[in-house]
Amino acid sequence: MGSLVMITIAASSIISRRVAAFSASTFRANTASLPQQSRRHTSRSAALLSSNVGETDAASAELLVNCRLSRSSVPNSLDARSLSENLDVVISHLKSRRASNEAIESAKSIASLNFDRVALIKKRDDALQKRNEYSGQVGKLMRESKGQETDEIKGIKNLASQAGGDASKVEEELSEIESNVNSLLASLPNLLDDVVPDGDDDSANELVSEWGDVNALPEEFGWPSDFEPLWHDDVATNLGGWSSEAAVGMSGARFVSLTGPVARLERAISSYFLDRASEKGYTEVSPPLVVSRSALEGTSQLPKFEEDLFKIIPESHTCNGEDAFLIPTAEVPLTNMHTGQILEESDLPISYCALTPCFRAEAGSYGRDTRGLIRTHQFYKVEMVKITTPETSDDEHHKLTRHAEECLEELRIPYRKMRLCSGDVGFSAQHCYDLEAWLPSTKEFREISSCSNTGDFQARRMALRYRPEVQVDDNQTNKSGKKKKAKKPKPVFCHTINGSGLAVGRTLVAVLENYQTPDGDVVVPEVLRPYMGGVAILKRIST
């Protein structure tokens, strides 16, 4: 599967007809009231929505990439204006994500509301202009009458008051529209990077690379040809380090207690990941485990995924008067470290890492992965987060992903790197790599890290910006021959990147299964031995 697939003319005709659900007549009806720039975008949409497919095939084929319209015309995340001007692109990406009809209707509603908003702004401004004109007339007449309020002045005052009232009423309508638009925008996912392949689910994810030989460690540890590798929970039980019944008894399903050598091995993995991230330039953070609703809205876990979160009852705790939640990932507090700030370009990129427990209700995974550590309500993870400029975000995304890959390579765990397809990529991500570790018990690769570039999707929600460096042109001089002062650039939204480096529980699973011996012992990976006091082998307890 190619990373960029330009679809054929025949396929482009199908997509054109699908996008045509939002009719060309709607665009034409609204074109007259749009500014020139909007008309240019609208004319592109109208061309794509033309009933004469033969006339538009060539234009469509140029714009379509991986079975959707290229986002080249929408490099940044969406606001009401950019969505309205690029509605065809937005609908194309929503369909590529296999989004619900409700999401598509939300996009159309935003475009419609934005047209209303433009008309109301003009109506408000006209009313304010009238009020100012009337007020000016009142002032002039009052001077002429030497302060005496004549009937004429009273009449004009009434007109000024009426115009002011009209403006206030329109302002209320605008406020309501803005609230509705913001709510609808919050429900829409990020646009996709053009490299993201089209597909329904994880079966369409694209293999980017593979590392390691799944037979290397078995050969090294003398696995016989008929050896059936044990599941990680059985391996841990044989080491005397698995207490699931006690955990379930006190906390319920999907909780586990680790003890003895297995708990120590988990701690060793955590310490190794943190030290390695620090060596790569990440600043270690010990963040809060309880965050506010607005923090989760900033990283886009809310409002869409509230059922997957552990919410704290208001009687117990609130965050500055807001609803409080346990963190689902350290991505939330790390990315929110600079909410509402304007950073300097010279300070970027900023790289953070943190080891935290993560809490997830897993509401949508009932009946899946009920055994062992693969899917639990509480698990440890080392998270890596980068805050970058738009120009460097793609490179920093690859660096972060590479840092996660190197951890697996040093642990000698075979893995593969997958580029997620449009139907599997996360809500906030524009481009995502999954790293999948080899598990011999089930003879399959399972996700151990997701590394996502969200572009400015999260930064817009949390008002995280930076000020570009001033570009000085030595040739620019004023009339007196002195160098012109460079204009201070306007702040620009940052890009944010996040990824697991790695999920500790799933790494423990991979180590226990790949490093088990036929005798039931577990060899400690060399890179972890300094964190285990030099212990090289965890011995099976006698039964």
Protein backbone atom coordinates (compact mmCIF):
# COMPACT_ATOMS: atom_id res chain seq x y z
CA MET A 1 0.00 0.00 0.00
CA GLY A 2 1.63 3.31 -1.05
CA SER A 3 1.91 6.21 1.34
CA LEU A 4 0.28 8.51 -1.20
CA VAL A 5 -2.27 7.03 -3.58
CA MET A 6 -3.61 9.30 -6.31
CA ILE A 7 -6.91 7.71 -7.26
CA THR A 8 -8.03 7.11 -10.83
CA ILE A 9 -10.54 9.18 -12.75
CA ALA A 10 -13.16 6.48 -12.29
CA ALA A 11 -12.70 6.51 -8.50
CA SER A 12 -12.71 10.30 -8.43
CA SER A 13 -16.14 10.26 -10.05
CA ILE A 14 -17.46 8.18 -7.15
CA ILE A 15 -16.01 10.56 -4.58
CA SER A 16 -17.39 13.55 -6.48
CA ARG A 17 -20.86 12.06 -6.33
CA ARG A 18 -20.48 11.36 -2.60
CA VAL A 19 -19.41 14.91 -1.85
CA ALA A 20 -22.26 16.16 -4.03
CA ALA A 21 -24.66 15.31 -1.20
CA PHE A 22 -24.07 18.88 -0.10
CA SER A 23 -25.56 20.34 -3.27
CA ALA A 24 -23.90 22.75 -5.63
CA SER A 25 -27.01 24.88 -5.53
CA THR A 26 -26.42 25.60 -1.83
CA PHE A 27 -22.99 26.97 -2.66
CA ARG A 28 -24.23 29.11 -5.52
CA ALA A 29 -27.05 30.56 -3.40
CA ASN A 30 -24.60 31.79 -0.80
CA THR A 31 -21.80 32.96 -3.07
CA ALA A 32 -23.09 36.48 -3.63
CA SER A 33 -22.72 37.45 0.03
CA LEU A 34 -19.18 36.09 0.38
CA PRO A 35 -15.91 38.04 0.20
CA GLN A 36 -13.66 37.43 -2.80
CA GLN A 37 -11.48 34.83 -1.05
CA SER A 38 -14.54 32.82 -0.02
CA ARG A 39 -15.83 32.92 -3.59
CA ARG A 40 -12.60 31.35 -4.82
CA HIS A 41 -13.04 28.45 -2.36
CA THR A 42 -16.71 28.19 -3.25
CA SER A 43 -16.02 28.06 -6.96
CA ARG A 44 -13.74 25.08 -6.34
CA SER A 45 -16.51 23.39 -4.37
CA ALA A 46 -19.10 24.14 -7.04
CA ALA A 47 -16.79 22.66 -9.68
CA LEU A 48 -16.41 19.48 -7.65
CA LEU A 49 -20.16 19.29 -7.10
CA SER A 50 -21.05 19.81 -10.74
CA SER A 51 -23.59 17.37 -12.15
CA ASN A 52 -21.45 17.10 -15.26
CA VAL A 53 -18.90 14.60 -14.00
CA GLY A 54 -16.95 14.64 -17.25
CA GLU A 55 -16.11 18.32 -16.78
CA THR A 56 -14.77 17.83 -13.25
CA ASP A 57 -12.91 14.53 -13.42
CA ALA A 58 -9.58 16.14 -14.28
CA ALA A 59 -9.85 18.73 -11.49
CA SER A 60 -10.96 16.08 -8.99
CA ALA A 61 -8.12 13.72 -9.89
CA GLU A 62 -5.62 16.48 -9.19
CA LEU A 63 -7.09 17.22 -5.76
CA LEU A 64 -7.89 13.71 -4.52
CA VAL A 65 -5.28 11.85 -2.55
CA ASN A 66 -5.87 8.58 -0.69
CA CYS A 67 -9.53 8.73 -1.75
CA ARG A 68 -10.19 12.17 -0.27
CA LEU A 69 -9.57 15.82 -1.08
CA SER A 70 -6.08 17.01 -0.20
CA ARG A 71 -5.88 19.21 2.87
CA SER A 72 -3.27 21.42 1.20
CA SER A 73 -5.79 24.28 1.13
CA VAL A 74 -6.42 23.86 4.89
CA PRO A 75 -2.97 23.56 6.51
CA ASN A 76 -4.30 24.53 9.95
CA SER A 77 -7.05 23.17 12.18
CA LEU A 78 -10.58 24.36 11.63
CA ASP A 79 -12.39 27.45 12.78
CA ALA A 80 -15.84 28.46 11.51
CA ARG A 81 -14.46 30.50 8.63
CA SER A 82 -11.93 27.96 7.32
CA LEU A 83 -14.52 25.18 7.59
CA SER A 84 -17.07 27.23 5.64
CA GLU A 85 -14.55 28.10 2.94
CA ASN A 86 -13.42 24.46 2.65
CA LEU A 87 -16.58 22.52 3.41
CA ASP A 88 -15.93 20.10 0.57
CA VAL A 89 -12.53 19.20 2.07
CA VAL A 90 -13.97 18.80 5.56
CA ILE A 91 -16.80 16.50 4.41
CA SER A 92 -14.33 14.49 2.32
CA HIS A 93 -12.12 13.94 5.40
CA LEU A 94 -15.06 13.09 7.64
CA LYS A 95 -16.17 10.46 5.16
CA SER A 96 -12.60 9.18 4.94
CA ARG A 97 -12.62 8.79 8.74
CA ARG A 98 -15.92 6.87 8.44
CA ALA A 99 -17.50 9.55 10.62
CA SER A 100 -21.18 9.44 11.48
CA ASN A 101 -23.86 11.26 9.51
CA GLU A 102 -24.28 13.40 12.61
CA ALA A 103 -20.70 14.64 12.30
CA ILE A 104 -21.20 15.47 8.62
CA GLU A 105 -24.42 17.34 9.43
CA SER A 106 -22.55 19.23 12.16
CA ALA A 107 -20.02 20.44 9.58
CA LYS A 108 -22.81 21.61 7.28
CA SER A 109 -24.53 23.35 10.21
CA ILE A 110 -21.35 25.24 11.05
CA ALA A 111 -21.08 26.45 7.46
CA SER A 112 -24.71 27.55 7.49
CA LEU A 113 -24.35 29.28 10.86
CA ASN A 114 -21.23 31.03 9.65
CA PHE A 115 -23.13 32.49 6.69
CA ASP A 116 -25.74 33.72 9.18
CA ARG A 117 -22.98 35.11 11.36
CA VAL A 118 -21.48 37.12 8.49
CA ALA A 119 -24.89 38.64 7.72
CA LEU A 120 -25.52 39.44 11.39
CA ILE A 121 -22.12 41.10 11.80
CA LYS A 122 -22.99 43.40 8.90
CA LYS A 123 -26.41 44.10 10.45
CA ARG A 124 -24.83 44.87 13.82
CA ASP A 125 -22.14 47.10 12.33
CA ASP A 126 -24.77 48.98 10.30
CA ALA A 127 -26.81 49.54 13.47
CA LEU A 128 -23.75 50.75 15.38
CA GLN A 129 -22.83 53.07 12.52
CA LYS A 130 -26.35 54.54 12.58
CA ARG A 131 -26.17 55.00 16.35
CA ASN A 132 -22.86 56.82 16.02
CA GLU A 133 -24.22 59.03 13.22
CA TYR A 134 -27.29 59.90 15.29
CA SER A 135 -25.13 60.58 18.34
CA GLY A 136 -22.97 62.91 16.25
CA GLN A 137 -26.06 64.76 15.04
CA VAL A 138 -27.29 65.10 18.64
CA GLY A 139 -23.96 66.58 19.69
CA LYS A 140 -23.99 69.08 16.83
CA LEU A 141 -27.59 70.17 17.48
CA MET A 142 -26.97 70.48 21.23
CA ARG A 143 -24.09 72.84 20.52
CA GLU A 144 -26.21 74.85 18.14
CA SER A 145 -29.09 75.03 20.67
CA LYS A 146 -26.62 75.88 23.43
CA GLY A 147 -27.58 72.82 25.46
CA GLN A 148 -31.32 73.10 25.05
CA GLU A 149 -32.93 69.74 24.21
CA THR A 150 -35.36 70.42 21.39
CA ASP A 151 -38.02 68.05 20.03
CA GLU A 152 -35.75 67.37 17.06
CA ILE A 153 -32.90 66.37 19.37
CA LYS A 154 -35.24 64.12 21.38
CA GLY A 155 -36.34 62.40 18.19
CA ILE A 156 -32.77 61.78 17.04
CA LYS A 157 -31.85 60.52 20.53
CA ASN A 158 -34.68 58.01 20.27
CA LEU A 159 -33.37 56.89 16.89
CA ALA A 160 -29.85 56.51 18.37
CA SER A 161 -31.25 54.49 21.28
CA GLN A 162 -33.24 52.30 18.91
CA ALA A 163 -30.17 51.67 16.76
CA GLY A 164 -28.17 50.77 19.88
CA GLY A 165 -30.92 48.39 20.96
CA ASP A 166 -30.94 46.77 17.53
CA ALA A 167 -27.17 46.27 17.77
CA SER A 168 -27.53 44.69 21.22
CA LYS A 169 -30.19 42.27 19.99
CA VAL A 170 -27.99 41.24 17.08
CA GLU A 171 -25.05 40.83 19.48
CA GLU A 172 -27.14 38.38 21.51
CA GLU A 173 -27.91 36.40 18.35
CA LEU A 174 -24.22 36.40 17.43
CA SER A 175 -23.30 35.16 20.90
CA GLU A 176 -25.77 32.29 20.59
CA ILE A 177 -24.45 31.39 17.14
CA GLU A 178 -20.86 31.47 18.40
CA SER A 179 -21.77 29.16 21.29
CA ASN A 180 -23.46 26.72 18.90
CA VAL A 181 -20.56 26.85 16.44
CA ASN A 182 -17.97 26.22 19.19
CA SER A 183 -19.97 23.26 20.46
CA LEU A 184 -20.24 21.78 16.98
CA LEU A 185 -16.55 22.40 16.21
CA ALA A 186 -15.59 20.56 19.40
CA SER A 187 -17.38 17.48 18.08
CA LEU A 188 -15.39 17.34 14.82
CA PRO A 189 -12.10 15.42 14.54
CA ASN A 190 -8.87 16.72 13.08
CA LEU A 191 -8.30 16.79 9.34
CA LEU A 192 -6.01 14.05 8.07
CA ASP A 193 -2.47 14.40 6.78
CA ASP A 194 -2.32 13.54 3.09
CA VAL A 195 -0.02 10.57 3.83
CA VAL A 196 -2.70 8.76 5.88
CA PRO A 197 -3.98 5.78 3.86
CA ASP A 198 -7.70 5.25 3.34
CA GLY A 199 -9.34 2.36 5.16
CA ASP A 200 -12.20 1.21 7.37
CA ASP A 201 -10.30 -0.13 10.39
CA ASP A 202 -6.97 -1.48 11.68
CA SER A 203 -6.93 -4.16 8.98
CA ALA A 204 -6.15 -1.37 6.48
CA ASN A 205 -3.23 0.10 8.45
CA GLU A 206 -0.03 0.45 6.45
CA LEU A 207 3.11 -1.46 7.36
CA VAL A 208 5.99 1.02 7.40
CA SER A 209 8.78 -1.17 8.76
CA GLU A 210 9.60 -4.25 10.85
CA TRP A 211 12.45 -4.83 13.26
CA GLY A 212 13.84 -8.00 14.81
CA ASP A 213 13.51 -11.73 14.29
CA VAL A 214 10.69 -13.37 16.25
CA ASN A 215 12.76 -16.58 16.42
CA ALA A 216 15.99 -15.01 17.71
CA LEU A 217 15.23 -15.02 21.46
CA PRO A 218 13.50 -18.45 21.38
CA GLU A 219 16.62 -19.92 19.76
CA GLU A 220 18.86 -18.16 22.29
CA PHE A 221 16.83 -19.51 25.24
CA GLY A 222 16.52 -23.02 23.83
CA TRP A 223 12.81 -23.22 23.11
CA PRO A 224 12.14 -26.71 21.69
CA SER A 225 10.15 -26.92 18.47
CA ASP A 226 7.06 -28.16 20.31
CA PHE A 227 7.26 -25.52 23.06
CA GLU A 228 4.04 -23.59 23.62
CA PRO A 229 4.97 -20.19 25.10
CA LEU A 230 2.88 -19.25 28.11
CA TRP A 231 0.70 -16.18 28.44
CA HIS A 232 2.30 -13.41 30.46
CA ASP A 233 -0.07 -13.90 33.40
CA ASP A 234 0.91 -17.59 33.65
CA VAL A 235 4.61 -16.65 33.45
CA ALA A 236 4.12 -14.07 36.22
CA THR A 237 2.19 -16.58 38.34
CA ASN A 238 5.07 -19.06 38.05
CA LEU A 239 7.40 -16.32 39.31
CA GLY A 240 5.15 -15.73 42.32
CA GLY A 241 4.27 -12.20 41.16
CA TRP A 242 0.61 -12.31 40.04
CA SER A 243 -2.28 -11.47 42.40
CA SER A 244 -5.26 -10.74 40.21
CA GLU A 245 -7.88 -12.19 42.56
CA ALA A 246 -6.87 -9.85 45.38
CA ALA A 247 -7.04 -6.85 43.06
CA VAL A 248 -10.44 -7.81 41.67
CA GLY A 249 -11.71 -8.39 45.21
CA MET A 250 -10.88 -4.85 46.30
CA SER A 251 -11.29 -2.92 43.02
CA GLY A 252 -13.37 -4.93 40.55
CA ALA A 253 -12.68 -6.30 37.08
CA ARG A 254 -9.71 -5.12 34.98
CA PHE A 255 -7.46 -4.41 37.97
CA VAL A 256 -4.29 -6.39 38.75
CA SER A 257 -1.77 -6.51 41.60
CA LEU A 258 1.84 -7.40 40.84
CA THR A 259 4.17 -8.57 43.59
CA GLY A 260 7.78 -9.53 44.23
CA PRO A 261 10.08 -9.92 41.21
CA VAL A 262 7.36 -9.02 38.70
CA ALA A 263 6.58 -5.74 40.48
CA ARG A 264 10.30 -5.01 40.60
CA LEU A 265 10.61 -5.76 36.87
CA GLU A 266 7.75 -3.34 36.15
CA ARG A 267 9.56 -0.66 38.17
CA ALA A 268 12.80 -1.36 36.32
CA ILE A 269 11.07 -0.91 32.95
CA SER A 270 9.59 2.42 34.14
CA SER A 271 12.95 3.72 35.37
CA TYR A 272 14.72 2.67 32.18
CA PHE A 273 12.15 4.45 29.99
CA LEU A 274 12.36 7.66 32.04
CA ASP A 275 16.17 7.70 32.04
CA ARG A 276 16.27 7.08 28.33
CA ALA A 277 13.82 9.88 27.58
CA SER A 278 15.89 12.24 29.72
CA GLU A 279 19.00 11.27 27.75
CA LYS A 280 17.14 12.21 24.57
CA GLY A 281 16.46 15.72 25.84
CA TYR A 282 13.01 15.37 27.42
CA THR A 283 12.43 17.24 30.66
CA GLU A 284 10.98 14.93 33.29
CA VAL A 285 7.76 16.15 34.91
CA SER A 286 5.80 14.85 37.87
CA PRO A 287 2.33 16.18 36.94
CA PRO A 288 -1.05 16.14 38.72
CA LEU A 289 -3.13 13.01 38.25
CA VAL A 290 -6.37 14.98 38.58
CA VAL A 291 -7.30 17.48 35.87
CA SER A 292 -10.17 19.79 35.02
CA ARG A 293 -12.78 19.51 32.30
CA SER A 294 -11.17 22.39 30.38
CA ALA A 295 -7.78 20.63 30.42
CA LEU A 296 -9.36 17.54 28.85
CA GLU A 297 -11.18 19.74 26.35
CA GLY A 298 -7.83 21.27 25.41
CA THR A 299 -6.36 17.87 24.47
CA SER A 300 -9.76 16.85 22.97
CA GLN A 301 -10.60 13.88 25.20
CA LEU A 302 -13.71 15.91 25.97
CA PRO A 303 -16.47 16.27 25.05
CA LYS A 304 -16.45 13.16 22.86
CA PHE A 305 -14.91 10.53 25.18
CA GLU A 306 -16.33 11.35 28.60
CA GLU A 307 -17.68 7.82 29.09
CA ASP A 308 -14.10 6.49 28.96
CA LEU A 309 -12.94 8.72 31.83
CA PHE A 310 -13.03 8.30 35.61
CA LYS A 311 -14.92 11.31 36.92
CA ILE A 312 -14.58 12.54 40.51
CA ILE A 313 -17.85 13.52 42.16
CA PRO A 314 -18.10 17.29 42.82
CA GLU A 315 -18.75 16.68 46.52
CA SER A 316 -15.28 15.16 46.74
CA HIS A 317 -13.26 17.56 44.59
CA THR A 318 -13.48 20.11 41.80
CA CYS A 319 -10.70 21.78 39.81
CA ASN A 320 -11.17 25.53 40.25
CA GLY A 321 -14.92 25.00 40.23
CA GLU A 322 -14.85 22.67 37.21
CA ASP A 323 -15.54 18.94 36.99
CA ALA A 324 -12.51 16.86 37.97
CA PHE A 325 -11.24 13.66 36.32
CA LEU A 326 -8.41 11.17 36.78
CA ILE A 327 -5.98 11.47 33.87
CA PRO A 328 -6.37 8.92 31.03
CA THR A 329 -2.79 9.68 29.96
CA ALA A 330 -0.01 12.07 30.98
CA GLU A 331 -0.49 13.68 27.57
CA VAL A 332 -3.23 15.77 29.21
CA PRO A 333 -1.24 17.49 32.00
CA LEU A 334 1.98 17.68 29.96
CA THR A 335 0.38 19.36 26.93
CA ASN A 336 -1.61 21.69 29.19
CA MET A 337 1.57 22.94 30.92
CA HIS A 338 1.46 26.01 28.65
CA THR A 339 -2.27 26.54 28.16
CA GLY A 340 -3.09 30.14 27.23
CA GLN A 341 0.57 31.12 26.88
CA ILE A 342 2.47 32.80 24.06
CA LEU A 343 5.90 31.16 23.83
CA GLU A 344 8.96 32.41 21.97
CA GLU A 345 10.06 30.51 18.87
CA SER A 346 13.56 30.27 20.33
CA ASP A 347 12.13 28.18 23.20
CA LEU A 348 10.79 25.52 20.81
CA PRO A 349 10.69 22.61 20.60
CA ILE A 350 9.77 21.89 24.20
CA SER A 351 10.02 18.19 25.12
CA TYR A 352 8.44 16.69 28.24
CA CYS A 353 8.21 13.17 29.63
CA ALA A 354 6.37 11.74 32.62
CA LEU A 355 5.72 8.40 34.28
CA THR A 356 2.17 8.25 35.61
CA PRO A 357 -0.60 5.80 36.26
CA CYS A 358 -3.34 6.18 33.67
CA PHE A 359 -7.03 5.55 34.34
CA ARG A 360 -9.47 4.50 31.63
CA ALA A 361 -13.01 3.19 31.97
CA GLU A 362 -12.68 1.33 28.65
CA ALA A 363 -16.43 1.76 28.15
CA GLY A 364 -16.30 0.71 24.51
CA SER A 365 -14.23 -2.46 25.02
CA TYR A 366 -16.62 -4.71 26.93
CA GLY A 367 -15.62 -8.35 26.49
CA ARG A 368 -12.32 -7.54 24.75
CA ASP A 369 -8.90 -8.47 26.18
CA THR A 370 -10.31 -9.46 29.55
CA ARG A 371 -7.28 -11.56 30.43
CA GLY A 372 -4.02 -10.24 31.84
CA LEU A 373 -2.46 -6.79 31.43
CA ILE A 374 -3.39 -5.94 27.85
CA ARG A 375 -6.43 -3.83 28.74
CA THR A 376 -6.84 -2.67 32.35
CA HIS A 377 -8.49 0.29 34.04
CA GLN A 378 -5.20 1.37 35.63
CA PHE A 379 -1.75 1.09 34.05
CA TYR A 380 1.59 2.87 34.04
CA LYS A 381 2.94 4.64 31.00
CA VAL A 382 5.86 6.89 30.18
CA GLU A 383 4.46 9.65 27.99
CA MET A 384 6.48 11.89 25.69
CA VAL A 385 5.12 15.26 24.53
CA LYS A 386 6.60 17.84 22.17
CA ILE A 387 5.48 21.42 21.53
CA THR A 388 6.85 22.64 18.20
CA THR A 389 6.48 25.08 15.33
CA PRO A 390 4.44 24.05 12.27
CA GLU A 391 7.62 23.93 10.18
CA THR A 392 9.35 21.39 12.46
CA SER A 393 6.41 19.30 13.67
CA ASP A 394 6.71 16.56 11.05
CA ASP A 395 10.41 16.09 11.78
CA GLU A 396 9.80 16.16 15.56
CA HIS A 397 7.01 13.60 15.15
CA HIS A 398 9.43 11.22 13.47
CA LYS A 399 12.06 11.88 16.16
CA LEU A 400 9.62 11.11 18.96
CA THR A 401 8.49 7.93 17.21
CA ARG A 402 12.10 6.92 16.71
CA HIS A 403 12.81 7.41 20.43
CA ALA A 404 10.02 4.93 21.22
CA GLU A 405 11.34 2.48 18.61
CA GLU A 406 14.82 2.58 20.13
CA CYS A 407 13.44 1.45 23.49
CA LEU A 408 12.03 -1.70 21.89
CA GLU A 409 15.25 -2.31 19.99
CA GLU A 410 17.38 -2.03 23.13
CA LEU A 411 15.00 -4.46 24.83
CA ARG A 412 15.36 -6.72 21.74
CA ILE A 413 11.58 -7.00 21.37
CA PRO A 414 10.56 -7.63 17.73
CA TYR A 415 8.09 -5.01 16.57
CA ARG A 416 6.50 -3.45 13.55
CA LYS A 417 5.71 0.18 12.78
CA MET A 418 2.26 0.86 11.33
CA ARG A 419 0.79 4.01 9.83
CA LEU A 420 -2.84 4.16 10.93
CA CYS A 421 -5.47 4.41 8.22
CA SER A 422 -8.20 7.02 8.05
CA GLY A 423 -10.78 4.82 9.79
CA ASP A 424 -8.46 3.92 12.68
CA VAL A 425 -6.53 7.13 13.41
CA GLY A 426 -7.41 8.91 16.65
CA PHE A 427 -9.82 11.83 16.95
CA SER A 428 -7.17 14.51 17.53
CA ALA A 429 -4.41 13.08 15.32
CA GLN A 430 -3.69 14.17 11.78
CA HIS A 431 -1.04 11.44 11.42
CA CYS A 432 -0.27 8.53 13.74
CA TYR A 433 2.21 5.66 13.96
CA ASP A 434 1.50 2.61 16.09
CA LEU A 435 4.38 0.45 17.31
CA GLU A 436 3.26 -3.15 17.78
CA ALA A 437 5.32 -5.60 19.86
CA TRP A 438 5.50 -9.34 19.17
CA LEU A 439 3.67 -11.56 21.69
CA PRO A 440 4.62 -15.24 21.22
CA SER A 441 1.72 -16.61 23.31
CA THR A 442 -0.83 -15.49 20.73
CA LYS A 443 1.62 -15.22 17.83
CA GLU A 444 0.57 -11.68 16.99
CA PHE A 445 1.77 -8.09 17.17
CA ARG A 446 -0.04 -5.86 19.69
CA GLU A 447 0.09 -2.08 20.08
CA ILE A 448 2.61 -0.89 22.64
CA SER A 449 2.89 2.77 21.60
CA SER A 450 0.91 5.33 19.61
CA CYS A 451 2.81 8.38 18.38
CA SER A 452 0.55 11.15 17.08
CA ASN A 453 1.05 14.50 15.43
CA THR A 454 -2.03 16.61 16.20
CA GLY A 455 -0.85 19.69 14.27
CA ASP A 456 -2.41 22.79 15.86
CA PHE A 457 -5.65 20.93 16.70
CA GLN A 458 -4.98 20.83 20.45
CA ALA A 459 -3.10 24.13 20.55
CA ARG A 460 -6.10 26.01 19.12
CA ARG A 461 -8.34 24.51 21.80
CA MET A 462 -5.99 25.50 24.61
CA ALA A 463 -4.89 28.83 23.10
CA LEU A 464 -1.24 27.74 22.99
CA ARG A 465 0.74 29.98 20.68
CA TYR A 466 4.27 31.14 19.95
CA ARG A 467 5.70 34.34 18.51
CA PRO A 468 7.88 33.75 15.43
CA GLU A 469 11.35 35.25 15.54
CA VAL A 470 11.74 38.66 13.91
CA GLN A 471 13.34 38.33 10.49
CA VAL A 472 15.74 41.25 10.05
CA ASP A 473 16.48 42.40 6.49
CA ASP A 474 19.74 44.36 6.44
CA ASN A 475 18.76 45.90 3.10
CA GLN A 476 15.57 47.50 4.47
CA THR A 477 16.20 51.18 5.33
CA ASN A 478 14.01 54.21 5.90
CA LYS A 479 14.25 57.59 4.13
CA SER A 480 17.05 58.74 6.43
CA GLY A 481 19.11 55.67 5.58
CA LYS A 482 18.66 53.96 8.94
CA LYS A 483 17.66 50.31 9.16
CA LYS A 484 13.94 49.82 9.41
CA LYS A 485 12.60 48.32 12.59
CA ALA A 486 11.20 44.89 11.81
CA LYS A 487 7.53 44.44 12.59
CA LYS A 488 6.75 42.19 15.53
CA PRO A 489 5.19 39.00 14.09
CA LYS A 490 1.74 37.95 15.23
CA PRO A 491 1.52 34.87 17.47
CA VAL A 492 0.95 31.55 15.70
CA PHE A 493 -0.59 28.35 17.05
CA CYS A 494 1.97 25.75 18.13
CA HIS A 495 1.88 22.12 17.01
CA THR A 496 1.71 19.35 19.62
CA ILE A 497 2.98 15.78 19.37
CA ASN A 498 2.54 12.94 21.83
CA GLY A 499 3.50 9.30 22.14
CA SER A 500 4.08 6.48 24.59
CA GLY A 501 7.67 5.81 25.38
CA LEU A 502 6.42 3.17 26.21
CA ALA A 503 3.31 1.70 27.83
CA VAL A 504 4.90 0.01 30.87
CA GLY A 505 2.31 -2.73 31.40
CA ARG A 506 2.36 -3.88 27.79
CA THR A 507 6.17 -3.77 27.76
CA LEU A 508 6.12 -6.02 30.84
CA VAL A 509 3.83 -8.37 28.90
CA ALA A 510 6.28 -8.43 25.97
CA VAL A 511 9.31 -9.02 28.23
CA LEU A 512 7.67 -11.84 30.22
CA GLU A 513 6.57 -13.64 27.07
CA ASN A 514 9.63 -13.14 24.87
CA TYR A 515 12.18 -13.75 27.63
CA GLN A 516 10.61 -16.86 29.20
CA THR A 517 12.58 -20.11 29.19
CA PRO A 518 11.26 -23.67 28.83
CA ASP A 519 11.97 -24.15 32.57
CA GLY A 520 9.61 -21.31 33.50
CA ASP A 521 12.33 -18.78 34.36
CA VAL A 522 12.54 -15.31 32.84
CA VAL A 523 15.80 -13.84 31.59
CA VAL A 524 16.13 -10.15 32.45
CA PRO A 525 16.98 -8.03 29.36
CA GLU A 526 20.49 -6.64 29.64
CA VAL A 527 19.39 -2.99 29.58
CA LEU A 528 17.16 -3.62 32.62
CA ARG A 529 19.72 -5.41 34.79
CA PRO A 530 21.22 -2.22 36.28
CA TYR A 531 17.69 -1.38 37.50
CA MET A 532 17.29 -4.89 38.97
CA GLY A 533 20.41 -4.77 41.14
CA GLY A 534 22.29 -6.88 38.61
CA VAL A 535 19.78 -9.77 38.67
CA ALA A 536 20.01 -11.65 35.35
CA ILE A 537 17.33 -14.33 35.80
CA LEU A 538 14.00 -14.40 37.61
CA LYS A 539 13.58 -17.97 38.83
CA ARG A 540 10.37 -19.93 38.75
CA ILE A 541 9.17 -20.70 42.26
CA SER A 542 8.88 -24.38 43.17
CA THR A 543 5.34 -25.75 43.21
